[in-house]
N, C-alpha and C. Protein backbone atom coordinates (compact mmCIF):
# COMPACT_ATOMS: atom_id res chain seq x y z
N MET A 1 59.99 -165.14 65.83
CA MET A 1 59.58 -164.12 65.32
C MET A 1 58.41 -163.97 64.92
N GLU A 2 57.02 -163.37 65.64
CA GLU A 2 55.99 -163.29 65.07
C GLU A 2 55.61 -162.35 63.57
N ARG A 3 54.74 -163.04 62.78
CA ARG A 3 54.51 -162.18 61.88
C ARG A 3 54.37 -160.70 61.89
N HIS A 4 53.53 -160.36 62.71
CA HIS A 4 53.16 -159.05 62.87
C HIS A 4 54.61 -158.06 63.47
N VAL A 5 55.40 -158.77 64.08
CA VAL A 5 56.76 -157.80 64.58
C VAL A 5 57.51 -157.63 63.33
N LEU A 6 57.68 -158.90 62.58
CA LEU A 6 58.49 -158.76 61.46
C LEU A 6 57.94 -157.86 60.20
N GLU A 7 56.52 -157.58 60.33
CA GLU A 7 55.87 -156.58 59.51
C GLU A 7 56.35 -155.13 59.95
N SER A 8 56.37 -154.95 61.12
CA SER A 8 56.61 -153.44 61.78
C SER A 8 58.22 -153.12 61.38
N LEU A 9 58.99 -153.89 61.38
CA LEU A 9 60.28 -154.01 61.06
C LEU A 9 60.88 -153.63 59.68
N LEU A 10 59.55 -154.09 58.56
CA LEU A 10 59.68 -153.80 57.19
C LEU A 10 58.81 -152.60 56.81
N ALA A 11 58.82 -151.67 57.69
CA ALA A 11 57.84 -150.33 57.66
C ALA A 11 58.70 -149.38 56.54
N GLY A 12 59.89 -149.43 56.14
CA GLY A 12 60.62 -148.56 55.49
C GLY A 12 60.14 -148.18 54.10
N ASP A 13 60.41 -146.92 53.66
CA ASP A 13 59.86 -146.44 52.43
C ASP A 13 60.66 -146.79 51.23
N ASP A 14 61.57 -147.97 51.17
CA ASP A 14 62.45 -148.06 50.04
C ASP A 14 61.58 -149.16 49.24
N GLU A 15 61.94 -149.51 48.15
CA GLU A 15 61.47 -150.55 47.36
C GLU A 15 61.53 -151.74 47.94
N ALA A 16 62.86 -152.16 48.36
CA ALA A 16 63.06 -153.59 49.02
C ALA A 16 62.11 -153.84 50.08
N SER A 17 62.10 -153.02 51.21
CA SER A 17 60.97 -153.04 52.16
C SER A 17 59.37 -153.51 51.94
N ALA A 18 59.30 -152.46 50.77
CA ALA A 18 57.78 -152.63 50.50
C ALA A 18 57.67 -154.06 49.85
N ALA A 19 58.61 -154.49 48.95
CA ALA A 19 58.45 -155.68 48.17
C ALA A 19 58.48 -156.94 49.38
N ALA A 20 59.29 -156.81 50.36
CA ALA A 20 59.44 -157.79 51.35
C ALA A 20 58.24 -157.82 52.12
N LEU A 21 57.66 -156.49 52.41
CA LEU A 21 56.21 -156.45 53.41
C LEU A 21 55.20 -157.22 52.63
N ALA A 22 55.14 -156.88 51.22
CA ALA A 22 53.93 -157.58 50.49
C ALA A 22 54.15 -159.12 50.56
N ALA A 23 55.10 -159.47 50.12
CA ALA A 23 55.52 -160.98 50.14
C ALA A 23 54.90 -161.37 51.39
N LEU A 24 55.14 -161.05 52.45
CA LEU A 24 55.32 -161.43 53.66
C LEU A 24 53.76 -161.50 54.09
N ARG A 25 53.18 -160.39 53.64
CA ARG A 25 51.40 -160.42 54.03
C ARG A 25 50.74 -161.32 52.82
N SER A 26 51.45 -161.69 51.72
CA SER A 26 50.80 -162.69 50.94
C SER A 26 50.88 -164.00 51.33
N GLY A 27 51.53 -164.00 52.82
CA GLY A 27 51.35 -165.47 53.32
C GLY A 27 53.07 -166.43 52.98
N VAL A 28 53.87 -165.70 52.48
CA VAL A 28 55.09 -166.62 52.31
C VAL A 28 55.75 -167.12 53.65
N THR A 29 56.17 -168.20 53.66
CA THR A 29 57.25 -168.56 54.87
C THR A 29 58.45 -167.78 55.15
N TYR A 30 58.88 -167.72 56.38
CA TYR A 30 60.11 -166.94 56.68
C TYR A 30 60.73 -167.54 57.65
N ARG A 31 62.14 -167.26 57.82
CA ARG A 31 62.78 -167.68 59.17
C ARG A 31 63.76 -166.44 59.61
N VAL A 32 63.63 -166.24 60.61
CA VAL A 32 64.52 -165.28 61.33
C VAL A 32 65.50 -165.83 62.08
N PHE A 33 66.77 -165.34 62.11
CA PHE A 33 68.28 -166.10 62.75
C PHE A 33 68.58 -165.02 63.83
N ASP A 34 68.90 -165.52 64.94
CA ASP A 34 69.43 -164.42 65.77
C ASP A 34 71.00 -164.40 65.86
N THR A 35 71.62 -164.11 64.57
CA THR A 35 72.62 -163.72 64.29
C THR A 35 72.71 -162.66 63.18
N THR A 36 74.11 -162.30 62.78
CA THR A 36 74.46 -161.13 61.94
C THR A 36 75.33 -161.67 60.88
N HIS A 37 75.44 -161.32 59.86
CA HIS A 37 76.28 -161.72 58.56
C HIS A 37 76.90 -160.42 57.96
N PRO A 38 78.30 -160.65 57.62
CA PRO A 38 78.86 -159.18 57.03
C PRO A 38 77.96 -158.99 55.78
N ALA A 39 78.16 -157.65 55.13
CA ALA A 39 77.43 -157.53 53.98
C ALA A 39 78.03 -158.08 52.72
N GLU A 40 79.13 -158.40 52.85
CA GLU A 40 79.72 -159.10 51.64
C GLU A 40 78.94 -160.51 51.39
N ARG A 41 78.70 -161.02 52.29
CA ARG A 41 78.10 -162.41 52.21
C ARG A 41 76.51 -162.21 51.84
N HIS A 42 75.88 -161.06 52.26
CA HIS A 42 74.72 -160.75 51.57
C HIS A 42 74.82 -160.63 49.92
N ALA A 43 75.74 -159.83 49.80
CA ALA A 43 76.02 -159.30 48.32
C ALA A 43 76.19 -160.53 47.60
N GLY A 44 77.11 -161.50 47.95
CA GLY A 44 77.34 -162.73 47.01
C GLY A 44 75.98 -163.59 46.89
N VAL A 45 75.19 -163.47 47.94
CA VAL A 45 73.84 -164.45 47.68
C VAL A 45 73.14 -163.70 46.75
N PHE A 46 73.06 -162.29 46.68
CA PHE A 46 72.10 -161.60 45.82
C PHE A 46 72.83 -161.77 44.20
N LYS A 47 74.07 -161.81 44.13
CA LYS A 47 74.91 -161.88 42.93
C LYS A 47 74.21 -163.39 42.07
N LEU A 48 74.44 -164.41 43.05
CA LEU A 48 73.94 -165.65 42.49
C LEU A 48 72.57 -165.71 42.20
N ARG A 49 71.83 -164.89 42.81
CA ARG A 49 70.29 -164.97 42.69
C ARG A 49 69.91 -164.09 41.19
N LEU A 50 70.74 -162.98 41.05
CA LEU A 50 70.70 -162.18 40.00
C LEU A 50 71.00 -163.06 38.59
N ARG A 51 72.32 -163.80 38.79
CA ARG A 51 72.66 -164.54 37.86
C ARG A 51 71.66 -165.69 37.35
N ARG A 52 71.12 -166.16 38.41
CA ARG A 52 70.08 -167.19 38.16
C ARG A 52 68.79 -166.67 37.57
N MET A 53 68.28 -165.55 37.86
CA MET A 53 67.32 -164.73 37.38
C MET A 53 67.44 -164.65 35.80
N ARG A 54 68.72 -164.27 35.56
CA ARG A 54 68.99 -164.00 34.13
C ARG A 54 68.64 -164.94 33.49
N LEU A 55 69.68 -166.14 33.87
CA LEU A 55 69.42 -167.32 33.13
C LEU A 55 68.09 -167.90 32.80
N HIS A 56 67.10 -167.56 33.38
CA HIS A 56 65.80 -168.06 33.37
C HIS A 56 64.71 -166.74 32.58
N GLY A 57 65.65 -165.65 32.21
CA GLY A 57 64.85 -164.97 31.61
C GLY A 57 64.04 -163.96 32.39
N VAL A 58 64.54 -163.76 33.60
CA VAL A 58 63.59 -163.16 34.85
C VAL A 58 64.08 -161.61 34.80
N ASP A 59 63.28 -160.55 34.64
CA ASP A 59 63.90 -159.22 34.69
C ASP A 59 63.91 -158.77 36.21
N PRO A 60 65.26 -158.63 36.47
CA PRO A 60 65.31 -158.02 38.04
C PRO A 60 65.08 -156.94 38.25
N LEU A 61 63.94 -156.62 38.72
CA LEU A 61 63.23 -155.43 38.73
C LEU A 61 64.24 -154.37 39.77
N GLY A 62 64.46 -153.18 39.39
CA GLY A 62 65.46 -152.28 40.11
C GLY A 62 66.73 -152.53 40.31
N TRP A 63 67.16 -153.98 40.23
CA TRP A 63 68.39 -154.27 40.65
C TRP A 63 69.71 -153.40 39.91
N ASN A 64 69.54 -153.46 38.81
CA ASN A 64 70.75 -152.77 38.09
C ASN A 64 70.61 -151.33 38.42
N GLU A 65 69.34 -150.49 38.51
CA GLU A 65 69.52 -149.14 38.86
C GLU A 65 69.87 -149.03 40.29
N TRP A 66 69.63 -149.98 41.25
CA TRP A 66 70.24 -150.02 42.46
C TRP A 66 71.83 -149.91 42.72
N CYS A 67 72.21 -150.88 41.72
CA CYS A 67 73.78 -151.06 41.66
C CYS A 67 74.36 -149.94 41.47
N GLY A 68 74.02 -149.46 40.19
CA GLY A 68 74.48 -148.10 39.49
C GLY A 68 74.67 -147.09 40.72
N SER A 69 73.78 -147.09 41.67
CA SER A 69 73.47 -145.61 42.33
C SER A 69 74.07 -146.05 43.75
N SER A 70 74.65 -147.32 44.27
CA SER A 70 75.29 -147.57 45.28
C SER A 70 76.85 -147.85 45.10
N ALA A 71 77.66 -146.86 45.67
CA ALA A 71 78.91 -146.96 45.25
C ALA A 71 79.54 -147.82 46.18
N SER A 72 79.14 -148.23 47.15
CA SER A 72 79.88 -149.32 47.84
C SER A 72 79.37 -150.92 47.35
N MET A 73 78.48 -151.04 46.80
CA MET A 73 78.04 -152.00 46.28
C MET A 73 78.46 -152.19 44.97
N ALA A 74 78.75 -151.37 44.22
CA ALA A 74 79.05 -151.24 42.52
C ALA A 74 80.00 -152.63 42.21
N GLY A 75 81.23 -152.90 42.76
CA GLY A 75 81.74 -153.80 42.61
C GLY A 75 81.36 -155.11 42.72
N ARG A 76 80.49 -155.35 43.64
CA ARG A 76 79.84 -156.42 44.18
C ARG A 76 78.71 -156.90 43.31
N CYS A 77 78.20 -155.84 42.72
CA CYS A 77 77.05 -156.09 41.89
C CYS A 77 77.14 -156.61 40.29
N ALA A 78 78.33 -156.34 40.13
CA ALA A 78 78.88 -156.74 38.72
C ALA A 78 78.77 -158.23 38.30
N GLU A 79 78.38 -158.61 37.22
CA GLU A 79 78.06 -160.00 36.83
C GLU A 79 79.58 -160.42 36.95
N GLY A 80 79.55 -161.78 37.14
CA GLY A 80 80.89 -162.57 37.41
C GLY A 80 80.60 -163.76 36.72
């Protein structure tokens, strides 16, 4: 997928889209796969990333607020 096409897909008003778009425009590398994955798989990946960020003393901006406001993800956001 070409960069400009991916940028158009990230045109949302939410914080995650804005952060992803800013990273993309700064020149980060990316890969797009032609498959889908269940939400639980993504939640598990982000749970591991959150744990690693905390181990290194990095503040996960907005993550705790999002988890607290999302009823569907509340159980998956808890630290394990």
